[in-house]
Amino acid sequence: MQNNSPSSGITQHLSLMAQHPSPCLLGQVQQSIQLKHFSLKTEKSYIDYIRDFILFHYSGTLKE
């Protein structure tokens, strides 16, 4: 007997993510946004904001 509840699909997706973890923060954020079915424009905005934040605050420490 198969469980067709919405939470079973999310549980299966999370277990697949755990087996194949994304190597970077932005990849993890992208997977989470896609899991929540946000629009593509929202996904791009979030990714761009996080990238800009990291570059602005850590650009000096990344060069060292």
C-alpha atoms as a PDB file:
ATOM      1  CA  MET A   1       0.000   0.000   0.000  1.00  0.00           C
ATOM      2  CA  GLN A   2       1.442   3.352  -1.076  1.00  0.00           C
ATOM      3  CA  ASN A   3       1.131   6.575   0.880  1.00  0.00           C
ATOM      4  CA  ASN A   4       0.009   9.373  -1.472  1.00  0.00           C
ATOM      5  CA  SER A   5      -0.085  12.210   1.049  1.00  0.00           C
ATOM      6  CA  PRO A   6       1.757  15.441   0.147  1.00  0.00           C
ATOM      7  CA  SER A   7       4.109  15.029   3.084  1.00  0.00           C
ATOM      8  CA  SER A   8       5.332  11.662   1.775  1.00  0.00           C
ATOM      9  CA  GLY A   9       6.640  13.368  -1.385  1.00  0.00           C
ATOM     10  CA  ILE A  10       8.440  16.000   0.673  1.00  0.00           C
ATOM     11  CA  THR A  11       9.921  13.331   2.926  1.00  0.00           C
ATOM     12  CA  GLN A  12      11.159  11.402  -0.093  1.00  0.00           C
ATOM     13  CA  HIS A  13      12.651  14.578  -1.615  1.00  0.00           C
ATOM     14  CA  LEU A  14      14.429  15.459   1.648  1.00  0.00           C
ATOM     15  CA  SER A  15      15.885  11.964   1.905  1.00  0.00           C
ATOM     16  CA  LEU A  16      17.237  12.280  -1.652  1.00  0.00           C
ATOM     17  CA  MET A  17      18.757  15.662  -0.749  1.00  0.00           C
ATOM     18  CA  ALA A  18      20.435  14.075   2.265  1.00  0.00           C
ATOM     19  CA  GLN A  19      21.954  11.347   0.083  1.00  0.00           C
ATOM     20  CA  HIS A  20      23.319  13.878  -2.418  1.00  0.00           C
ATOM     21  CA  PRO A  21      24.111  17.077  -0.521  1.00  0.00           C
ATOM     22  CA  SER A  22      24.771  20.201  -2.508  1.00  0.00           C
ATOM     23  CA  PRO A  23      28.364  21.394  -2.213  1.00  0.00           C
ATOM     24  CA  CYS A  24      27.564  25.092  -1.800  1.00  0.00           C
ATOM     25  CA  LEU A  25      25.190  27.329   0.104  1.00  0.00           C
ATOM     26  CA  LEU A  26      23.569  28.752  -3.016  1.00  0.00           C
ATOM     27  CA  GLY A  27      22.766  25.260  -4.281  1.00  0.00           C
ATOM     28  CA  GLN A  28      21.114  24.402  -0.976  1.00  0.00           C
ATOM     29  CA  VAL A  29      19.080  27.610  -1.038  1.00  0.00           C
ATOM     30  CA  GLN A  30      18.013  26.913  -4.613  1.00  0.00           C
ATOM     31  CA  GLN A  31      16.869  23.400  -3.705  1.00  0.00           C
ATOM     32  CA  SER A  32      14.888  24.705  -0.736  1.00  0.00           C
ATOM     33  CA  ILE A  33      13.198  27.393  -2.827  1.00  0.00           C
ATOM     34  CA  GLN A  34      12.282  24.867  -5.521  1.00  0.00           C
ATOM     35  CA  LEU A  35      10.918  22.499  -2.883  1.00  0.00           C
ATOM     36  CA  LYS A  36       8.581  25.272  -1.693  1.00  0.00           C
ATOM     37  CA  HIS A  37       7.488  25.975  -5.308  1.00  0.00           C
ATOM     38  CA  PHE A  38       8.462  29.653  -5.290  1.00  0.00           C
ATOM     39  CA  SER A  39       8.414  31.443  -8.634  1.00  0.00           C
ATOM     40  CA  LEU A  40      11.557  31.535 -10.765  1.00  0.00           C
ATOM     41  CA  LYS A  41      11.814  35.306 -10.352  1.00  0.00           C
ATOM     42  CA  THR A  42      11.721  34.948  -6.552  1.00  0.00           C
ATOM     43  CA  GLU A  43      14.358  32.212  -6.726  1.00  0.00           C
ATOM     44  CA  LYS A  44      16.637  34.417  -8.818  1.00  0.00           C
ATOM     45  CA  SER A  45      16.117  37.385  -6.486  1.00  0.00           C
ATOM     46  CA  TYR A  46      16.970  35.347  -3.382  1.00  0.00           C
ATOM     47  CA  ILE A  47      20.074  33.823  -4.979  1.00  0.00           C
ATOM     48  CA  ASP A  48      21.289  37.210  -6.250  1.00  0.00           C
ATOM     49  CA  TYR A  49      20.726  38.845  -2.850  1.00  0.00           C
ATOM     50  CA  ILE A  50      22.634  36.126  -0.992  1.00  0.00           C
ATOM     51  CA  ARG A  51      25.500  36.210  -3.518  1.00  0.00           C
ATOM     52  CA  ASP A  52      25.739  40.009  -3.258  1.00  0.00           C
ATOM     53  CA  PHE A  53      25.647  39.838   0.552  1.00  0.00           C
ATOM     54  CA  ILE A  54      28.480  37.313   0.641  1.00  0.00           C
ATOM     55  CA  LEU A  55      30.598  39.257  -1.847  1.00  0.00           C
ATOM     56  CA  PHE A  56      30.083  42.550  -0.003  1.00  0.00           C
ATOM     57  CA  HIS A  57      30.768  41.284   3.516  1.00  0.00           C
ATOM     58  CA  TYR A  58      33.453  38.689   2.836  1.00  0.00           C
ATOM     59  CA  SER A  59      35.313  40.009  -0.186  1.00  0.00           C
ATOM     60  CA  GLY A  60      38.307  41.105   1.947  1.00  0.00           C
ATOM     61  CA  THR A  61      38.590  37.819   3.818  1.00  0.00           C
ATOM     62  CA  LEU A  62      38.212  35.699   0.689  1.00  0.00           C
ATOM     63  CA  LYS A  63      41.231  37.335  -0.962  1.00  0.00           C
ATOM     64  CA  GLU A  64      43.546  36.583   1.983  1.00  0.00           C
END
